[in-house]
Amino acid sequence: MAREIFFDNSALSRLVEEADADRAAIIGRLRAIGTPRISELNVIETARTSDAAVRTRKLELYKDLTGSVAPMNEPVELLEKLAKAHFDRAGNIEAGNQYAYHLLANPNDASEQLREALTAWTVDQETRFKFLHETMRERFAGPFEGEAAELLATEAKFLEFVFETADATLGGLVTGFYRDATDHELPRAEVSSFLDQVPAWKIFIAAHLHSLWVRSIKPKGPGRRSAGIVDTDSAVYLNFCDRFITNDHAQRETLNVANQFNPRGTSVELYSDIRSQLLR
């Protein structure tokens, strides 16, 4: 079976910057060892590029990289599909966003009007993400005192505690989303088993718990850039690929934490490393 090789937007940007001969060599060798994949998020971010010529060129190159393979659906849509498949007891889901594929095949359709709409959507998502973690720090201020402090002493203990008590700590979050996706209730008592049965969900939540830890829970230390919502959401793709390529160190840190809960054994790699391997 062909190995799935997933690209983050940061790695795609590096690929675009390559000299034509090196880029062609990299793409050819990638296809020889697996199936290069991108996501609907990659297409959204690229369609937001202000320079129309650059926007078109990038979309054309992404089509060259991925061929006839449609970009993977955006993360929340994937989670919805997985919830429905769980309720229907279906073994697989049909993934791939056809509109995103249409934009790759017809890059001139990525209009200025579409760019403005996608930019507004992205800014709104990032603003909500930042506000959530700013307010959550106050909610977690108390547990640093008394007996509960031990539970939050390290990120590993924090993650272990949350997933061991998922029916209680994640119950409202998971059951609410499950109900919205399926129109059916998932009992709180089944939240832990659901996360074990659908690992992409657990990986996605782990990535956001890491973000919560970094931004809102751990004692304040030296400032360090943390992954935004798009890079954090992209953790869901770990369960759909064998290699995830990024050029973003903050995202790599987030994905490495989330990847602990990924039974697929995906490797998270920097673009510079895979480039060196392919251009030897």
Protein backbone atom coordinates (compact mmCIF):
# COMPACT_ATOMS: atom_id res chain seq x y z
CA MET A 1 0.00 0.00 0.00
CA ALA A 2 1.32 3.44 -0.93
CA ARG A 3 2.54 5.51 1.99
CA GLU A 4 0.64 8.76 2.52
CA ILE A 5 2.91 11.82 2.76
CA PHE A 6 1.12 14.89 4.09
CA PHE A 7 2.31 18.48 3.68
CA ASP A 8 1.66 21.44 5.95
CA ASN A 9 1.41 24.84 4.33
CA SER A 10 4.79 25.87 5.74
CA ALA A 11 6.45 22.96 3.95
CA LEU A 12 4.53 23.65 0.75
CA SER A 13 5.82 27.23 0.80
CA ARG A 14 9.38 25.92 0.96
CA LEU A 15 8.66 23.59 -1.95
CA VAL A 16 7.39 26.52 -4.01
CA GLU A 17 10.63 28.41 -3.33
CA GLU A 18 12.82 25.61 -4.71
CA ALA A 19 14.63 25.97 -8.01
CA ASP A 20 12.60 24.33 -10.78
CA ALA A 21 15.02 21.40 -11.20
CA ASP A 22 15.18 20.66 -7.46
CA ARG A 23 11.42 20.94 -7.09
CA ALA A 24 10.84 18.53 -9.98
CA ALA A 25 13.33 16.08 -8.45
CA ILE A 26 11.69 16.30 -5.03
CA ILE A 27 8.19 15.76 -6.41
CA GLY A 28 9.34 12.86 -8.59
CA ARG A 29 11.05 11.11 -5.68
CA LEU A 30 8.12 11.75 -3.36
CA ARG A 31 5.82 10.01 -5.82
CA ALA A 32 8.26 7.10 -6.00
CA ILE A 33 8.01 6.47 -2.26
CA GLY A 34 4.38 7.36 -1.59
CA THR A 35 1.34 9.52 -2.30
CA PRO A 36 1.79 13.25 -1.61
CA ARG A 37 -1.31 14.76 0.02
CA ILE A 38 -2.45 18.23 0.98
CA SER A 39 -5.52 19.46 2.81
CA GLU A 40 -8.42 21.78 2.24
CA LEU A 41 -6.73 24.03 4.81
CA ASN A 42 -3.69 24.30 2.52
CA VAL A 43 -5.94 25.39 -0.33
CA ILE A 44 -7.77 27.90 1.90
CA GLU A 45 -4.52 29.44 3.10
CA THR A 46 -3.18 29.65 -0.44
CA ALA A 47 -6.41 31.08 -1.85
CA ARG A 48 -5.92 33.93 0.68
CA THR A 49 -2.65 34.98 -1.00
CA SER A 50 -3.02 38.64 -1.97
CA ASP A 51 -0.88 38.49 -5.13
CA ALA A 52 -3.06 36.85 -7.79
CA ALA A 53 -0.08 35.63 -9.83
CA VAL A 54 1.56 34.00 -6.80
CA ARG A 55 -1.77 32.53 -5.72
CA THR A 56 -2.30 30.93 -9.12
CA ARG A 57 1.26 29.63 -9.33
CA LYS A 58 1.06 27.99 -5.92
CA LEU A 59 -2.23 26.26 -6.69
CA GLU A 60 -0.80 25.00 -9.99
CA LEU A 61 2.24 23.59 -8.22
CA TYR A 62 0.09 21.89 -5.59
CA LYS A 63 -1.89 20.24 -8.38
CA ASP A 64 1.40 19.09 -9.90
CA LEU A 65 2.42 17.65 -6.53
CA THR A 66 -0.81 15.79 -5.76
CA GLY A 67 -2.07 14.89 -9.23
CA SER A 68 -5.61 13.53 -9.18
CA VAL A 69 -5.80 13.15 -5.39
CA ALA A 70 -8.34 15.55 -3.85
CA PRO A 71 -7.24 17.60 -0.83
CA MET A 72 -8.27 16.11 2.50
CA ASN A 73 -11.31 17.73 4.11
CA GLU A 74 -10.79 20.43 6.71
CA PRO A 75 -10.44 19.04 10.26
CA VAL A 76 -13.90 19.71 11.69
CA GLU A 77 -15.53 18.15 8.63
CA LEU A 78 -13.33 15.08 9.09
CA LEU A 79 -14.36 14.83 12.73
CA GLU A 80 -18.02 15.01 11.69
CA LYS A 81 -17.53 12.25 9.12
CA LEU A 82 -15.80 10.07 11.70
CA ALA A 83 -18.58 10.62 14.25
CA LYS A 84 -21.20 9.64 11.67
CA ALA A 85 -19.21 6.56 10.68
CA HIS A 86 -18.95 5.58 14.34
CA PHE A 87 -22.70 5.91 14.82
CA ASP A 88 -23.44 4.00 11.59
CA ARG A 89 -20.80 1.38 12.48
CA ALA A 90 -19.15 2.03 9.12
CA GLY A 91 -15.55 0.94 8.69
CA ASN A 92 -14.38 3.78 6.47
CA ILE A 93 -15.22 7.34 5.51
CA GLU A 94 -15.15 8.99 2.10
CA ALA A 95 -12.60 11.78 2.37
CA GLY A 96 -11.52 14.43 -0.10
CA ASN A 97 -12.90 17.91 -0.74
CA GLN A 98 -13.98 18.29 -4.36
CA TYR A 99 -14.27 22.09 -4.28
CA ALA A 100 -10.69 22.38 -3.05
CA TYR A 101 -9.67 20.03 -5.86
CA HIS A 102 -11.60 22.22 -8.31
CA LEU A 103 -9.53 25.23 -7.22
CA LEU A 104 -6.32 23.27 -7.85
CA ALA A 105 -7.52 22.32 -11.31
CA ASN A 106 -8.92 25.80 -12.00
CA PRO A 107 -6.74 28.22 -10.01
CA ASN A 108 -8.20 31.28 -11.75
CA ASP A 109 -11.43 30.58 -9.86
CA ALA A 110 -9.61 31.57 -6.65
CA SER A 111 -10.94 35.10 -7.01
CA GLU A 112 -10.35 38.26 -5.02
CA GLN A 113 -13.86 37.95 -3.60
CA LEU A 114 -13.09 34.41 -2.39
CA ARG A 115 -9.79 35.62 -0.92
CA GLU A 116 -11.56 38.28 1.12
CA ALA A 117 -14.16 35.83 2.42
CA LEU A 118 -11.55 33.25 3.41
CA THR A 119 -9.39 35.89 5.08
CA ALA A 120 -12.31 37.09 7.20
CA TRP A 121 -13.10 33.49 8.20
CA THR A 122 -9.48 32.78 9.16
CA VAL A 123 -9.09 35.96 11.20
CA ASP A 124 -12.30 35.12 13.08
CA GLN A 125 -11.04 31.60 13.85
CA GLU A 126 -7.69 32.84 15.16
CA THR A 127 -9.36 35.54 17.28
CA ARG A 128 -11.68 33.02 18.91
CA PHE A 129 -8.77 30.65 19.50
CA LYS A 130 -6.69 33.34 21.24
CA PHE A 131 -9.62 34.53 23.36
CA LEU A 132 -10.44 30.97 24.47
CA HIS A 133 -6.96 30.37 25.83
CA GLU A 134 -6.69 33.78 27.43
CA THR A 135 -9.86 33.16 29.43
CA MET A 136 -9.06 29.52 30.20
CA ARG A 137 -5.96 30.48 32.19
CA GLU A 138 -8.18 32.05 34.86
CA ARG A 139 -10.23 28.86 35.08
CA PHE A 140 -7.13 26.79 35.73
CA ALA A 141 -5.56 29.18 38.25
CA GLY A 142 -7.11 27.40 41.23
CA PRO A 143 -5.89 23.84 40.53
CA PHE A 144 -2.27 24.94 40.95
CA GLU A 145 -2.96 25.07 44.68
CA GLY A 146 -3.59 22.18 47.03
CA GLU A 147 -3.92 18.51 46.12
CA ALA A 148 -4.89 19.16 42.50
CA ALA A 149 -1.54 20.83 41.81
CA GLU A 150 0.05 17.42 41.28
CA LEU A 151 -2.31 16.78 38.37
CA LEU A 152 -1.00 19.85 36.58
CA ALA A 153 2.65 19.56 37.55
CA THR A 154 3.70 18.49 34.05
CA GLU A 155 2.02 18.31 30.68
CA ALA A 156 2.33 14.51 30.67
CA LYS A 157 0.42 14.28 33.96
CA PHE A 158 -2.16 16.75 32.71
CA LEU A 159 -2.82 14.73 29.52
CA GLU A 160 -2.88 11.47 31.45
CA PHE A 161 -5.40 12.86 33.90
CA VAL A 162 -7.69 14.30 31.22
CA PHE A 163 -7.81 11.13 29.12
CA GLU A 164 -8.13 8.81 32.14
CA THR A 165 -11.16 10.85 33.25
CA ALA A 166 -12.39 11.69 29.74
CA ASP A 167 -15.99 10.74 30.48
CA ALA A 168 -16.06 13.61 32.97
CA THR A 169 -13.45 16.11 31.75
CA LEU A 170 -14.24 15.86 28.02
CA GLY A 171 -17.79 14.59 28.26
CA GLY A 172 -19.60 17.81 27.38
CA LEU A 173 -17.21 18.71 24.58
CA VAL A 174 -17.33 15.33 22.83
CA THR A 175 -21.00 14.54 23.35
CA GLY A 176 -22.09 17.98 22.18
CA PHE A 177 -20.08 17.75 18.97
CA TYR A 178 -21.21 14.15 18.43
CA ARG A 179 -24.86 15.18 18.77
CA ASP A 180 -24.42 18.04 16.29
CA ALA A 181 -22.74 15.72 13.78
CA THR A 182 -25.08 12.74 14.06
CA ASP A 183 -28.34 14.02 15.59
CA HIS A 184 -27.89 11.28 18.18
CA GLU A 185 -26.59 11.21 21.74
CA LEU A 186 -23.32 9.64 22.80
CA PRO A 187 -23.59 8.75 26.49
CA ARG A 188 -20.93 10.36 28.63
CA ALA A 189 -19.99 6.92 29.93
CA GLU A 190 -18.90 6.00 26.38
CA VAL A 191 -16.65 9.01 25.71
CA SER A 192 -13.42 7.22 26.66
CA SER A 193 -14.20 4.18 24.52
CA PHE A 194 -15.23 6.44 21.60
CA LEU A 195 -11.87 8.23 21.72
CA ASP A 196 -10.06 4.89 21.76
CA GLN A 197 -12.15 3.61 18.83
CA VAL A 198 -11.70 6.78 16.76
CA PRO A 199 -8.06 7.80 17.31
CA ALA A 200 -8.19 10.80 14.98
CA TRP A 201 -10.55 12.41 17.50
CA LYS A 202 -8.19 11.66 20.38
CA ILE A 203 -5.22 13.05 18.45
CA PHE A 204 -7.12 16.24 17.60
CA ILE A 205 -8.13 16.75 21.24
CA ALA A 206 -4.58 16.04 22.44
CA ALA A 207 -3.25 18.78 20.16
CA HIS A 208 -5.72 21.27 21.62
CA LEU A 209 -4.93 20.13 25.15
CA HIS A 210 -1.27 20.82 24.40
CA SER A 211 -2.21 24.29 23.22
CA LEU A 212 -4.29 24.79 26.37
CA TRP A 213 -1.34 23.66 28.47
CA VAL A 214 1.13 25.98 26.75
CA ARG A 215 -1.13 29.01 26.61
CA SER A 216 -3.24 28.75 29.74
CA ILE A 217 -2.13 26.22 32.34
CA LYS A 218 1.62 25.85 32.76
CA PRO A 219 3.44 28.42 34.89
CA LYS A 220 4.59 31.36 32.86
CA GLY A 221 8.12 30.98 31.53
CA PRO A 222 10.24 32.45 28.74
CA GLY A 223 8.10 33.56 25.82
CA ARG A 224 7.88 31.10 22.97
CA ARG A 225 5.70 31.05 19.89
CA SER A 226 2.92 28.48 20.01
CA ALA A 227 0.94 26.98 17.15
CA GLY A 228 -2.22 28.76 16.00
CA ILE A 229 -5.57 27.17 15.34
CA VAL A 230 -4.85 25.99 11.77
CA ASP A 231 -1.57 24.33 12.76
CA THR A 232 -3.19 22.79 15.85
CA ASP A 233 -6.26 21.52 13.99
CA SER A 234 -3.97 19.87 11.43
CA ALA A 235 -3.09 17.23 14.04
CA VAL A 236 -6.16 15.31 12.89
CA TYR A 237 -4.31 14.45 9.67
CA LEU A 238 -1.71 12.43 11.57
CA ASN A 239 -4.06 9.47 11.63
CA PHE A 240 -4.46 9.68 7.84
CA CYS A 241 -0.80 9.68 6.82
CA ASP A 242 2.51 7.95 7.39
CA ARG A 243 4.72 11.04 7.17
CA PHE A 244 3.72 14.61 8.02
CA ILE A 245 6.05 17.29 6.64
CA THR A 246 6.18 20.74 8.21
CA ASN A 247 8.56 23.69 8.27
CA ASP A 248 7.05 25.11 11.45
CA HIS A 249 8.81 24.22 14.71
CA ALA A 250 5.89 25.27 16.93
CA GLN A 251 3.55 23.07 14.92
CA ARG A 252 6.00 20.19 15.05
CA GLU A 253 6.07 20.42 18.85
CA THR A 254 2.26 20.32 18.97
CA LEU A 255 2.05 17.41 16.54
CA ASN A 256 4.69 15.41 18.40
CA VAL A 257 2.62 15.67 21.58
CA ALA A 258 -0.59 14.68 19.78
CA ASN A 259 1.20 11.89 17.90
CA GLN A 260 1.71 10.01 21.18
CA PHE A 261 -1.95 9.01 20.85
CA ASN A 262 -1.69 7.96 17.19
CA PRO A 263 -1.64 4.18 16.66
CA ARG A 264 -0.55 4.64 13.04
CA GLY A 265 3.03 5.47 13.97
CA THR A 266 3.25 8.55 11.76
CA SER A 267 6.56 10.41 11.64
CA VAL A 268 6.55 14.20 11.94
CA GLU A 269 9.43 15.63 9.93
CA LEU A 270 10.91 18.98 9.02
CA TYR A 271 10.98 19.95 5.37
CA SER A 272 14.72 20.50 5.47
CA ASP A 273 15.27 16.90 6.58
CA ILE A 274 13.13 15.28 3.90
CA ARG A 275 14.66 17.61 1.30
CA SER A 276 18.13 16.42 2.25
CA GLN A 277 17.01 12.80 1.99
CA LEU A 278 15.46 13.26 -1.45
CA LEU A 279 18.21 15.34 -3.04
CA ARG A 280 21.16 13.19 -2.00
